[in-house]
Amino acid sequence: MRHVVAILVGLTLFGHSTMGWAESTSSGSTPQQVASGAGSVLATLVYSPIKASFCILGGVGAAFTAIVSTDTASKVVGASCRGTWVITPDALKGREHVRFVGDVPAPDGARRPGPAGGGA
């Protein structure tokens, strides 16, 4: 279990740093950017294990739900495992929504937004 957590933390930090390198325009002073980046890493380190636990519990619930309905089980997994996994600096500044519960596909194949806000 410790190895899985270490890998998730490493991927989170690496993924976040590559997104920062791709950023072409600066929005604010360097100290503000550093503080936002550090805050997003710290917030992600706290948030991601909670989100992972929610996803695992959703998978367990979906296993029991699959006995009755596989469609409903896939919706349970989708709702619990989709959504925001990394807290970005834009999320801390309020420019981006953090969606703890993910989008669930509608019956016609279109996506409908989860309870936390807008789609995509």
C-alpha atoms as a PDB file:
ATOM      1  CA  MET A   1       0.000   0.000   0.000  1.00  0.00           C
ATOM      2  CA  ARG A   2       2.859   2.366   0.785  1.00  0.00           C
ATOM      3  CA  HIS A   3       4.306   1.796  -2.678  1.00  0.00           C
ATOM      4  CA  VAL A   4       1.001   2.680  -4.336  1.00  0.00           C
ATOM      5  CA  VAL A   5       0.755   5.906  -2.346  1.00  0.00           C
ATOM      6  CA  ALA A   6       4.376   6.775  -3.178  1.00  0.00           C
ATOM      7  CA  ILE A   7       3.732   6.195  -6.890  1.00  0.00           C
ATOM      8  CA  LEU A   8       0.546   8.294  -6.812  1.00  0.00           C
ATOM      9  CA  VAL A   9       2.322  11.151  -5.035  1.00  0.00           C
ATOM     10  CA  GLY A  10       5.233  10.961  -7.483  1.00  0.00           C
ATOM     11  CA  LEU A  11       2.940  10.983 -10.514  1.00  0.00           C
ATOM     12  CA  THR A  12       0.936  13.842  -9.045  1.00  0.00           C
ATOM     13  CA  LEU A  13       4.017  15.953  -8.462  1.00  0.00           C
ATOM     14  CA  PHE A  14       5.536  15.086 -11.852  1.00  0.00           C
ATOM     15  CA  GLY A  15       2.274  15.688 -13.709  1.00  0.00           C
ATOM     16  CA  HIS A  16       1.815  19.011 -11.964  1.00  0.00           C
ATOM     17  CA  SER A  17       5.359  20.146 -12.789  1.00  0.00           C
ATOM     18  CA  THR A  18       4.960  19.291 -16.490  1.00  0.00           C
ATOM     19  CA  MET A  19       1.777  21.334 -16.639  1.00  0.00           C
ATOM     20  CA  GLY A  20       3.682  24.250 -15.133  1.00  0.00           C
ATOM     21  CA  TRP A  21       6.421  23.991 -17.756  1.00  0.00           C
ATOM     22  CA  ALA A  22       3.863  24.159 -20.547  1.00  0.00           C
ATOM     23  CA  GLU A  23       2.438  27.420 -19.235  1.00  0.00           C
ATOM     24  CA  SER A  24       3.516  30.169 -21.631  1.00  0.00           C
ATOM     25  CA  THR A  25       2.078  33.290 -20.055  1.00  0.00           C
ATOM     26  CA  SER A  26       2.696  34.516 -16.555  1.00  0.00           C
ATOM     27  CA  SER A  27      -0.257  35.527 -14.419  1.00  0.00           C
ATOM     28  CA  GLY A  28       1.092  37.317 -11.390  1.00  0.00           C
ATOM     29  CA  SER A  29       4.424  37.799  -9.760  1.00  0.00           C
ATOM     30  CA  THR A  30       6.901  35.012  -9.184  1.00  0.00           C
ATOM     31  CA  PRO A  31       6.281  34.810  -5.415  1.00  0.00           C
ATOM     32  CA  GLN A  32       2.542  34.502  -6.087  1.00  0.00           C
ATOM     33  CA  GLN A  33       3.146  31.735  -8.608  1.00  0.00           C
ATOM     34  CA  VAL A  34       5.430  29.896  -6.195  1.00  0.00           C
ATOM     35  CA  ALA A  35       2.866  30.207  -3.400  1.00  0.00           C
ATOM     36  CA  SER A  36       0.072  28.997  -5.689  1.00  0.00           C
ATOM     37  CA  GLY A  37       2.163  26.064  -6.865  1.00  0.00           C
ATOM     38  CA  ALA A  38       3.175  25.093  -3.339  1.00  0.00           C
ATOM     39  CA  GLY A  39      -0.407  25.448  -2.142  1.00  0.00           C
ATOM     40  CA  SER A  40      -1.721  23.291  -4.967  1.00  0.00           C
ATOM     41  CA  VAL A  41       0.845  20.564  -4.234  1.00  0.00           C
ATOM     42  CA  LEU A  42      -0.029  20.607  -0.541  1.00  0.00           C
ATOM     43  CA  ALA A  43      -3.755  20.619  -1.269  1.00  0.00           C
ATOM     44  CA  THR A  44      -3.324  17.741  -3.726  1.00  0.00           C
ATOM     45  CA  LEU A  45      -1.365  15.731  -1.159  1.00  0.00           C
ATOM     46  CA  VAL A  46      -4.295  16.079   1.248  1.00  0.00           C
ATOM     47  CA  TYR A  47      -7.109  15.776  -1.318  1.00  0.00           C
ATOM     48  CA  SER A  48      -5.888  12.863  -3.478  1.00  0.00           C
ATOM     49  CA  PRO A  49      -5.918  10.172  -0.755  1.00  0.00           C
ATOM     50  CA  ILE A  50      -9.458  11.206   0.182  1.00  0.00           C
ATOM     51  CA  LYS A  51     -10.511  11.055  -3.473  1.00  0.00           C
ATOM     52  CA  ALA A  52      -8.782   7.664  -3.872  1.00  0.00           C
ATOM     53  CA  SER A  53     -10.631   6.335  -0.823  1.00  0.00           C
ATOM     54  CA  PHE A  54     -13.912   7.572  -2.274  1.00  0.00           C
ATOM     55  CA  CYS A  55     -13.102   5.863  -5.577  1.00  0.00           C
ATOM     56  CA  ILE A  56     -12.234   2.581  -3.848  1.00  0.00           C
ATOM     57  CA  LEU A  57     -15.435   2.691  -1.801  1.00  0.00           C
ATOM     58  CA  GLY A  58     -17.360   3.423  -4.995  1.00  0.00           C
ATOM     59  CA  GLY A  59     -15.784   0.348  -6.567  1.00  0.00           C
ATOM     60  CA  VAL A  60     -16.785  -1.795  -3.602  1.00  0.00           C
ATOM     61  CA  GLY A  61     -20.311  -0.418  -3.760  1.00  0.00           C
ATOM     62  CA  ALA A  62     -20.390  -1.032  -7.505  1.00  0.00           C
ATOM     63  CA  ALA A  63     -19.386  -4.660  -6.962  1.00  0.00           C
ATOM     64  CA  PHE A  64     -22.474  -5.186  -4.829  1.00  0.00           C
ATOM     65  CA  THR A  65     -24.598  -3.151  -7.232  1.00  0.00           C
ATOM     66  CA  ALA A  66     -23.408  -5.238 -10.207  1.00  0.00           C
ATOM     67  CA  ILE A  67     -25.312  -8.200  -8.786  1.00  0.00           C
ATOM     68  CA  VAL A  68     -28.531  -6.379  -9.628  1.00  0.00           C
ATOM     69  CA  SER A  69     -27.585  -4.054 -12.499  1.00  0.00           C
ATOM     70  CA  THR A  70     -24.302  -3.665 -14.373  1.00  0.00           C
ATOM     71  CA  ASP A  71     -25.442  -0.338 -15.868  1.00  0.00           C
ATOM     72  CA  THR A  72     -26.004   1.136 -12.428  1.00  0.00           C
ATOM     73  CA  ALA A  73     -22.693  -0.311 -11.215  1.00  0.00           C
ATOM     74  CA  SER A  74     -20.811   1.475 -14.013  1.00  0.00           C
ATOM     75  CA  LYS A  75     -22.556   4.728 -13.093  1.00  0.00           C
ATOM     76  CA  VAL A  76     -21.523   4.294  -9.447  1.00  0.00           C
ATOM     77  CA  VAL A  77     -17.895   3.745 -10.447  1.00  0.00           C
ATOM     78  CA  GLY A  78     -18.037   6.651 -12.891  1.00  0.00           C
ATOM     79  CA  ALA A  79     -19.453   9.037 -10.335  1.00  0.00           C
ATOM     80  CA  SER A  80     -16.980   8.046  -7.650  1.00  0.00           C
ATOM     81  CA  CYS A  81     -13.808   7.802  -9.753  1.00  0.00           C
ATOM     82  CA  ARG A  82     -14.257  10.623 -12.265  1.00  0.00           C
ATOM     83  CA  GLY A  83     -13.902  14.248 -11.349  1.00  0.00           C
ATOM     84  CA  THR A  84     -10.977  16.284 -10.108  1.00  0.00           C
ATOM     85  CA  TRP A  85      -7.930  14.384  -8.874  1.00  0.00           C
ATOM     86  CA  VAL A  86      -5.358  17.214  -8.784  1.00  0.00           C
ATOM     87  CA  ILE A  87      -5.855  20.619  -7.171  1.00  0.00           C
ATOM     88  CA  THR A  88      -4.367  23.170  -9.564  1.00  0.00           C
ATOM     89  CA  PRO A  89      -3.362  26.763  -8.813  1.00  0.00           C
ATOM     90  CA  ASP A  90      -6.380  27.879 -10.868  1.00  0.00           C
ATOM     91  CA  ALA A  91      -8.653  25.858  -8.578  1.00  0.00           C
ATOM     92  CA  LEU A  92      -7.132  27.590  -5.564  1.00  0.00           C
ATOM     93  CA  LYS A  93      -7.721  30.991  -7.186  1.00  0.00           C
ATOM     94  CA  GLY A  94     -11.346  30.122  -7.969  1.00  0.00           C
ATOM     95  CA  ARG A  95     -10.899  30.079 -11.757  1.00  0.00           C
ATOM     96  CA  GLU A  96     -11.573  26.350 -11.979  1.00  0.00           C
ATOM     97  CA  HIS A  97     -14.102  24.132 -10.219  1.00  0.00           C
ATOM     98  CA  VAL A  98     -13.096  21.152  -8.098  1.00  0.00           C
ATOM     99  CA  ARG A  99     -15.519  18.324  -8.829  1.00  0.00           C
ATOM    100  CA  PHE A 100     -15.329  15.640  -6.146  1.00  0.00           C
ATOM    101  CA  VAL A 101     -18.100  13.610  -7.812  1.00  0.00           C
ATOM    102  CA  GLY A 102     -17.590  13.006 -11.529  1.00  0.00           C
ATOM    103  CA  ASP A 103     -19.947  13.243 -14.469  1.00  0.00           C
ATOM    104  CA  VAL A 104     -22.262  10.321 -15.126  1.00  0.00           C
ATOM    105  CA  PRO A 105     -23.070   9.405 -18.738  1.00  0.00           C
ATOM    106  CA  ALA A 106     -26.705  10.026 -19.612  1.00  0.00           C
ATOM    107  CA  PRO A 107     -28.730   7.127 -21.073  1.00  0.00           C
ATOM    108  CA  ASP A 108     -28.413   8.529 -24.624  1.00  0.00           C
ATOM    109  CA  GLY A 109     -24.587   8.626 -24.362  1.00  0.00           C
ATOM    110  CA  ALA A 110     -24.319  12.376 -23.727  1.00  0.00           C
ATOM    111  CA  ARG A 111     -22.617  13.527 -20.547  1.00  0.00           C
ATOM    112  CA  ARG A 112     -24.563  15.340 -17.889  1.00  0.00           C
ATOM    113  CA  PRO A 113     -22.816  17.403 -15.210  1.00  0.00           C
ATOM    114  CA  GLY A 114     -22.375  16.045 -11.718  1.00  0.00           C
ATOM    115  CA  PRO A 115     -23.818  17.839  -8.706  1.00  0.00           C
ATOM    116  CA  ALA A 116     -20.733  20.044  -8.216  1.00  0.00           C
ATOM    117  CA  GLY A 117     -21.131  22.179 -11.314  1.00  0.00           C
ATOM    118  CA  GLY A 118     -20.509  22.503 -15.007  1.00  0.00           C
ATOM    119  CA  GLY A 119     -19.615  19.751 -17.407  1.00  0.00           C
ATOM    120  CA  ALA A 120     -16.324  18.648 -18.984  1.00  0.00           C
END
